[in-house]
PDB file of N, CA and C in Angstrom:
ATOM      1  N   MET A   1      44.831-213.410 198.966  1.00  0.00           N
ATOM      2  CA  MET A   1      44.369-213.204 200.326  1.00  0.00           C
ATOM      3  C   MET A   1      44.708-211.782 200.746  1.00  0.00           C
ATOM      4  N   THR A   2      43.768-211.096 201.296  1.00  0.00           N
ATOM      5  CA  THR A   2      44.002-209.745 201.794  1.00  0.00           C
ATOM      6  C   THR A   2      44.219-209.814 203.293  1.00  0.00           C
ATOM      7  N   HIS A   3      45.318-209.257 203.713  1.00  0.00           N
ATOM      8  CA  HIS A   3      45.676-209.246 205.119  1.00  0.00           C
ATOM      9  C   HIS A   3      45.448-207.838 205.638  1.00  0.00           C
ATOM     10  N   SER A   4      44.687-207.722 206.716  1.00  0.00           N
ATOM     11  CA  SER A   4      44.491-206.389 207.271  1.00  0.00           C
ATOM     12  C   SER A   4      45.817-205.887 207.828  1.00  0.00           C
ATOM     13  N   LEU A   5      46.031-204.601 207.683  1.00  0.00           N
ATOM     14  CA  LEU A   5      47.264-204.002 208.151  1.00  0.00           C
ATOM     15  C   LEU A   5      47.159-203.775 209.656  1.00  0.00           C
ATOM     16  N   ASN A   6      47.703-204.714 210.404  1.00  0.00           N
ATOM     17  CA  ASN A   6      47.602-204.692 211.858  1.00  0.00           C
ATOM     18  C   ASN A   6      49.013-204.677 212.447  1.00  0.00           C
ATOM     19  N   ILE A   7      49.327-203.651 213.198  1.00  0.00           N
ATOM     20  CA  ILE A   7      50.673-203.516 213.767  1.00  0.00           C
ATOM     21  C   ILE A   7      51.033-204.686 214.675  1.00  0.00           C
ATOM     22  N   ASP A   8      50.040-205.362 215.219  1.00  0.00           N
ATOM     23  CA  ASP A   8      50.321-206.512 216.080  1.00  0.00           C
ATOM     24  C   ASP A   8      50.961-207.673 215.311  1.00  0.00           C
ATOM     25  N   ASP A   9      50.836-207.672 213.973  1.00  0.00           N
ATOM     26  CA  ASP A   9      51.423-208.730 213.153  1.00  0.00           C
ATOM     27  C   ASP A   9      52.892-208.468 212.826  1.00  0.00           C
ATOM     28  N   LEU A  10      53.388-207.283 213.162  1.00  0.00           N
ATOM     29  CA  LEU A  10      54.767-206.925 212.852  1.00  0.00           C
ATOM     30  C   LEU A  10      55.704-207.393 213.953  1.00  0.00           C
ATOM     31  N   GLN A  11      56.921-207.734 213.558  1.00  0.00           N
ATOM     32  CA  GLN A  11      57.963-208.081 214.516  1.00  0.00           C
ATOM     33  C   GLN A  11      59.102-207.091 214.316  1.00  0.00           C
ATOM     34  N   PHE A  12      59.653-206.604 215.404  1.00  0.00           N
ATOM     35  CA  PHE A  12      60.708-205.607 215.308  1.00  0.00           C
ATOM     36  C   PHE A  12      62.044-206.189 215.750  1.00  0.00           C
ATOM     37  N   ILE A  13      63.091-205.791 215.058  1.00  0.00           N
ATOM     38  CA  ILE A  13      64.457-206.131 215.434  1.00  0.00           C
ATOM     39  C   ILE A  13      65.021-204.898 216.129  1.00  0.00           C
ATOM     40  N   THR A  14      65.642-205.127 217.263  1.00  0.00           N
ATOM     41  CA  THR A  14      66.182-204.014 218.035  1.00  0.00           C
ATOM     42  C   THR A  14      67.688-204.166 218.210  1.00  0.00           C
ATOM     43  N   ASN A  15      68.341-203.041 218.452  1.00  0.00           N
ATOM     44  CA  ASN A  15      69.770-203.078 218.740  1.00  0.00           C
ATOM     45  C   ASN A  15      69.985-203.291 220.234  1.00  0.00           C
ATOM     46  N   GLU A  16      71.239-203.251 220.644  1.00  0.00           N
ATOM     47  CA  GLU A  16      71.554-203.524 222.055  1.00  0.00           C
ATOM     48  C   GLU A  16      70.949-202.494 223.014  1.00  0.00           C
ATOM     49  N   ASN A  17      70.558-201.317 222.492  1.00  0.00           N
ATOM     50  CA  ASN A  17      69.927-200.286 223.324  1.00  0.00           C
ATOM     51  C   ASN A  17      68.399-200.400 223.346  1.00  0.00           C
ATOM     52  N   GLY A  18      67.869-201.360 222.597  1.00  0.00           N
ATOM     53  CA  GLY A  18      66.427-201.528 222.532  1.00  0.00           C
ATOM     54  C   GLY A  18      65.751-200.664 221.476  1.00  0.00           C
ATOM     55  N   ASP A  19      66.562-199.961 220.661  1.00  0.00           N
ATOM     56  CA  ASP A  19      66.008-199.134 219.592  1.00  0.00           C
ATOM     57  C   ASP A  19      65.601-200.013 218.412  1.00  0.00           C
ATOM     58  N   LYS A  20      64.429-199.766 217.855  1.00  0.00           N
ATOM     59  CA  LYS A  20      63.979-200.517 216.683  1.00  0.00           C
ATOM     60  C   LYS A  20      64.854-200.157 215.489  1.00  0.00           C
ATOM     61  N   THR A  21      65.389-201.184 214.825  1.00  0.00           N
ATOM     62  CA  THR A  21      66.262-200.968 213.677  1.00  0.00           C
ATOM     63  C   THR A  21      65.709-201.577 212.393  1.00  0.00           C
ATOM     64  N   ALA A  22      64.769-202.497 212.520  1.00  0.00           N
ATOM     65  CA  ALA A  22      64.186-203.149 211.345  1.00  0.00           C
ATOM     66  C   ALA A  22      62.839-203.733 211.734  1.00  0.00           C
ATOM     67  N   VAL A  23      62.091-204.118 210.712  1.00  0.00           N
ATOM     68  CA  VAL A  23      60.773-204.705 210.958  1.00  0.00           C
ATOM     69  C   VAL A  23      60.600-205.930 210.064  1.00  0.00           C
ATOM     70  N   ILE A  24      59.969-206.944 210.612  1.00  0.00           N
ATOM     71  CA  ILE A  24      59.623-208.142 209.855  1.00  0.00           C
ATOM     72  C   ILE A  24      58.122-208.077 209.594  1.00  0.00           C
ATOM     73  N   VAL A  25      57.754-208.149 208.316  1.00  0.00           N
ATOM     74  CA  VAL A  25      56.361-208.029 207.893  1.00  0.00           C
ATOM     75  C   VAL A  25      55.912-209.369 207.316  1.00  0.00           C
ATOM     76  N   PRO A  26      54.741-209.883 207.722  1.00  0.00           N
ATOM     77  CA  PRO A  26      54.235-211.112 207.102  1.00  0.00           C
ATOM     78  C   PRO A  26      54.157-210.944 205.582  1.00  0.00           C
ATOM     79  N   ILE A  27      54.485-212.002 204.854  1.00  0.00           N
ATOM     80  CA  ILE A  27      54.587-211.927 203.388  1.00  0.00           C
ATOM     81  C   ILE A  27      53.288-211.481 202.740  1.00  0.00           C
ATOM     82  N   ASP A  28      52.144-211.926 203.240  1.00  0.00           N
ATOM     83  CA  ASP A  28      50.887-211.508 202.613  1.00  0.00           C
ATOM     84  C   ASP A  28      50.649-210.015 202.831  1.00  0.00           C
ATOM     85  N   MET A  29      51.066-209.491 203.975  1.00  0.00           N
ATOM     86  CA  MET A  29      50.957-208.057 204.219  1.00  0.00           C
ATOM     87  C   MET A  29      51.921-207.292 203.302  1.00  0.00           C
ATOM     88  N   PHE A  30      53.138-207.832 203.139  1.00  0.00           N
ATOM     89  CA  PHE A  30      54.116-207.214 202.249  1.00  0.00           C
ATOM     90  C   PHE A  30      53.579-207.158 200.815  1.00  0.00           C
ATOM     91  N   ASN A  31      53.023-208.271 200.354  1.00  0.00           N
ATOM     92  CA  ASN A  31      52.479-208.310 198.990  1.00  0.00           C
ATOM     93  C   ASN A  31      51.345-207.300 198.821  1.00  0.00           C
ATOM     94  N   GLN A  32      50.489-207.169 199.832  1.00  0.00           N
ATOM     95  CA  GLN A  32      49.396-206.202 199.763  1.00  0.00           C
ATOM     96  C   GLN A  32      49.952-204.779 199.689  1.00  0.00           C
ATOM     97  N   LEU A  33      50.953-204.493 200.511  1.00  0.00           N
ATOM     98  CA  LEU A  33      51.569-203.161 200.490  1.00  0.00           C
ATOM     99  C   LEU A  33      52.225-202.886 199.134  1.00  0.00           C
ATOM    100  N   MET A  34      52.874-203.907 198.560  1.00  0.00           N
ATOM    101  CA  MET A  34      53.505-203.739 197.241  1.00  0.00           C
ATOM    102  C   MET A  34      52.448-203.439 196.173  1.00  0.00           C
ATOM    103  N   GLN A  35      51.351-204.184 196.198  1.00  0.00           N
ATOM    104  CA  GLN A  35      50.289-203.958 195.219  1.00  0.00           C
ATOM    105  C   GLN A  35      49.718-202.552 195.357  1.00  0.00           C
ATOM    106  N   GLN A  36      49.513-202.107 196.599  1.00  0.00           N
ATOM    107  CA  GLN A  36      49.001-200.756 196.823  1.00  0.00           C
ATOM    108  C   GLN A  36      49.994-199.720 196.304  1.00  0.00           C
ATOM    109  N   SER A  37      51.270-199.953 196.542  1.00  0.00           N
ATOM    110  CA  SER A  37      52.298-199.021 196.077  1.00  0.00           C
ATOM    111  C   SER A  37      52.340-198.979 194.558  1.00  0.00           C
ATOM    112  N   LEU A  38      52.294-200.154 193.931  1.00  0.00           N
ATOM    113  CA  LEU A  38      52.327-200.207 192.473  1.00  0.00           C
ATOM    114  C   LEU A  38      51.101-199.533 191.876  1.00  0.00           C
ATOM    115  N   SER A  39      49.959-199.748 192.501  1.00  0.00           N
ATOM    116  CA  SER A  39      48.736-199.108 192.034  1.00  0.00           C
ATOM    117  C   SER A  39      48.845-197.592 192.153  1.00  0.00           C
ATOM    118  N   SER A  40      49.410-197.137 193.243  1.00  0.00           N
ATOM    119  CA  SER A  40      49.590-195.703 193.469  1.00  0.00           C
ATOM    120  C   SER A  40      50.535-195.106 192.434  1.00  0.00           C
ATOM    121  N   ILE A  41      51.624-195.810 192.135  1.00  0.00           N
ATOM    122  CA  ILE A  41      52.573-195.342 191.125  1.00  0.00           C
ATOM    123  C   ILE A  41      51.887-195.235 189.775  1.00  0.00           C
ATOM    124  N   SER A  42      51.115-196.258 189.422  1.00  0.00           N
ATOM    125  CA  SER A  42      50.403-196.256 188.148  1.00  0.00           C
ATOM    126  C   SER A  42      49.415-195.105 188.079  1.00  0.00           C
ATOM    127  N   THR A  43      48.679-194.882 189.162  1.00  0.00           N
ATOM    128  CA  THR A  43      47.709-193.792 189.218  1.00  0.00           C
ATOM    129  C   THR A  43      48.409-192.446 189.102  1.00  0.00           C
ATOM    130  N   ASP A  44      49.529-192.294 189.798  1.00  0.00           N
ATOM    131  CA  ASP A  44      50.286-191.040 189.734  1.00  0.00           C
ATOM    132  C   ASP A  44      50.780-190.759 188.316  1.00  0.00           C
ATOM    133  N   LYS A  45      51.248-191.809 187.631  1.00  0.00           N
ATOM    134  CA  LYS A  45      51.717-191.631 186.253  1.00  0.00           C
ATOM    135  C   LYS A  45      50.563-191.203 185.345  1.00  0.00           C
ATOM    136  N   LYS A  46      49.419-191.841 185.519  1.00  0.00           N
ATOM    137  CA  LYS A  46      48.258-191.485 184.701  1.00  0.00           C
ATOM    138  C   LYS A  46      47.843-190.046 184.978  1.00  0.00           C
ATOM    139  N   ALA A  47      47.872-189.655 186.243  1.00  0.00           N
ATOM    140  CA  ALA A  47      47.490-188.293 186.613  1.00  0.00           C
ATOM    141  C   ALA A  47      48.458-187.272 186.024  1.00  0.00           C
ATOM    142  N   ALA A  48      49.713-187.672 185.888  1.00  0.00           N
ATOM    143  CA  ALA A  48      50.729-186.780 185.325  1.00  0.00           C
ATOM    144  C   ALA A  48      50.722-186.833 183.798  1.00  0.00           C
ATOM    145  N   ASN A  49      49.754-187.574 183.244  1.00  0.00           N
ATOM    146  CA  ASN A  49      49.597-187.706 181.794  1.00  0.00           C
ATOM    147  C   ASN A  49      50.823-188.335 181.143  1.00  0.00           C
ATOM    148  N   GLU A  50      51.482-189.241 181.873  1.00  0.00           N
ATOM    149  CA  GLU A  50      52.597-190.004 181.342  1.00  0.00           C
ATOM    150  C   GLU A  50      52.084-191.376 180.952  1.00  0.00           C
ATOM    151  N   GLN A  51      52.868-192.077 180.155  1.00  0.00           N
ATOM    152  CA  GLN A  51      52.489-193.436 179.803  1.00  0.00           C
ATOM    153  C   GLN A  51      52.689-194.316 181.031  1.00  0.00           C
ATOM    154  N   ALA A  52      51.603-194.913 181.503  1.00  0.00           N
ATOM    155  CA  ALA A  52      51.658-195.751 182.696  1.00  0.00           C
ATOM    156  C   ALA A  52      52.034-197.180 182.319  1.00  0.00           C
ATOM    157  N   THR A  53      52.853-197.802 183.146  1.00  0.00           N
ATOM    158  CA  THR A  53      53.203-199.195 182.971  1.00  0.00           C
ATOM    159  C   THR A  53      52.083-200.042 183.558  1.00  0.00           C
ATOM    160  N   ASP A  54      51.646-201.042 182.813  1.00  0.00           N
ATOM    161  CA  ASP A  54      50.630-201.950 183.313  1.00  0.00           C
ATOM    162  C   ASP A  54      51.136-202.589 184.606  1.00  0.00           C
ATOM    163  N   GLU A  55      50.290-202.608 185.649  1.00  0.00           N
ATOM    164  CA  GLU A  55      50.702-203.144 186.951  1.00  0.00           C
ATOM    165  C   GLU A  55      51.186-204.587 186.840  1.00  0.00           C
ATOM    166  N   ASN A  56      50.498-205.399 186.037  1.00  0.00           N
ATOM    167  CA  ASN A  56      50.898-206.801 185.891  1.00  0.00           C
ATOM    168  C   ASN A  56      52.271-206.907 185.252  1.00  0.00           C
ATOM    169  N   ASP A  57      52.563-206.057 184.269  1.00  0.00           N
ATOM    170  CA  ASP A  57      53.877-206.052 183.635  1.00  0.00           C
ATOM    171  C   ASP A  57      54.953-205.624 184.619  1.00  0.00           C
ATOM    172  N   LEU A  58      54.632-204.632 185.437  1.00  0.00           N
ATOM    173  CA  LEU A  58      55.588-204.150 186.417  1.00  0.00           C
ATOM    174  C   LEU A  58      55.891-205.229 187.450  1.00  0.00           C
ATOM    175  N   VAL A  59      54.853-205.912 187.939  1.00  0.00           N
ATOM    176  CA  VAL A  59      55.044-206.990 188.909  1.00  0.00           C
ATOM    177  C   VAL A  59      55.868-208.105 188.274  1.00  0.00           C
ATOM    178  N   ALA A  60      55.562-208.472 187.043  1.00  0.00           N
ATOM    179  CA  ALA A  60      56.298-209.534 186.353  1.00  0.00           C
ATOM    180  C   ALA A  60      57.764-209.154 186.195  1.00  0.00           C
ATOM    181  N   ASP A  61      58.021-207.902 185.856  1.00  0.00           N
ATOM    182  CA  ASP A  61      59.396-207.439 185.706  1.00  0.00           C
ATOM    183  C   ASP A  61      60.148-207.499 187.032  1.00  0.00           C
ATOM    184  N   LEU A  62      59.516-207.034 188.113  1.00  0.00           N
ATOM    185  CA  LEU A  62      60.159-207.068 189.429  1.00  0.00           C
ATOM    186  C   LEU A  62      60.422-208.510 189.865  1.00  0.00           C
ATOM    187  N   LYS A  63      59.479-209.414 189.601  1.00  0.00           N
ATOM    188  CA  LYS A  63      59.668-210.817 189.947  1.00  0.00           C
ATOM    189  C   LYS A  63      60.800-211.436 189.136  1.00  0.00           C
ATOM    190  N   SER A  64      60.871-211.113 187.844  1.00  0.00           N
ATOM    191  CA  SER A  64      61.905-211.700 186.993  1.00  0.00           C
ATOM    192  C   SER A  64      63.303-211.253 187.423  1.00  0.00           C
ATOM    193  N   ARG A  65      63.379-210.090 188.056  1.00  0.00           N
ATOM    194  CA  ARG A  65      64.672-209.598 188.552  1.00  0.00           C
ATOM    195  C   ARG A  65      64.913-209.988 190.004  1.00  0.00           C
ATOM    196  N   GLY A  66      63.997-210.795 190.573  1.00  0.00           N
ATOM    197  CA  GLY A  66      64.169-211.285 191.931  1.00  0.00           C
ATOM    198  C   GLY A  66      63.962-210.225 192.994  1.00  0.00           C
ATOM    199  N   LEU A  67      63.269-209.150 192.659  1.00  0.00           N
ATOM    200  CA  LEU A  67      63.064-208.066 193.621  1.00  0.00           C
ATOM    201  C   LEU A  67      61.835-208.267 194.493  1.00  0.00           C
ATOM    202  N   ILE A  68      60.919-209.092 194.036  1.00  0.00           N
ATOM    203  CA  ILE A  68      59.766-209.450 194.870  1.00  0.00           C
ATOM    204  C   ILE A  68      59.478-210.927 194.693  1.00  0.00           C
TER     205      ILE A  68
END
């Protein structure tokens, strides 16, 4: 599922002064952002003529380490 990136879907955590200190992102939006980031990393590696890690392998590795 592709979730449009809409700021209205974000929730902010604030400190006692009302300053934003963190953000809560819906999981589908987070997953979309992660995929875009991974794709960008892969593209950057290819552009730099380095051996690029397959996106699926990278996602599997991050999942196996509990990072996503």
